[in-house]
Amino acid sequence: MTAATAAADALRETPMERIAQFLRRFADRIEARTAEIVDMANAETALAKSPRLAEVELPRTTNQLRQAADAALEGSWALPTMRNSGWEGGTMCSPGASARTTGA
C-alpha cells in the first residue's frame, strides 16, 4: 500500500506533457513489435491473427493510448462527463428537459 501511495503521489506531480509523451511512445513501441505481439496473443488466445489481432485489437489499443495522450494534454479526462440518454433521475424526459416529480 505504501508503494502504491508513493506511485500515485509521484504520478500526480508528473507534468501532463510527460504522461502524454509516455503514452505515445508506448503506442509506437507496441506497433514496432506488432508481429511478435500478434503471434504471442494468438498463442495465448487462439484468436485469428488476421484480421482480429493485427487489424482490430492491436490498432484499437494503440489508438486508445494516443487518445489518452490527447486527453492528458487537453485536460478533458478530469472533467465530469454527462451522457444524455433520455433518462434523468430514473424518469424518462426529452433531451434538455428536467425530470419532473408529481405530487402524490
Foldseek 3Di string as FASTA:
>chain_A
DVVVVVVVVVVVPDQLLVQLVVLLVVLVVCVVCVVVVLVVVCVVPVPDSPPPRNVPVSVVSSVVSNVVSVCSVVVVVVDDDDDPPQDDPNDGHDPPDDDDDDDD
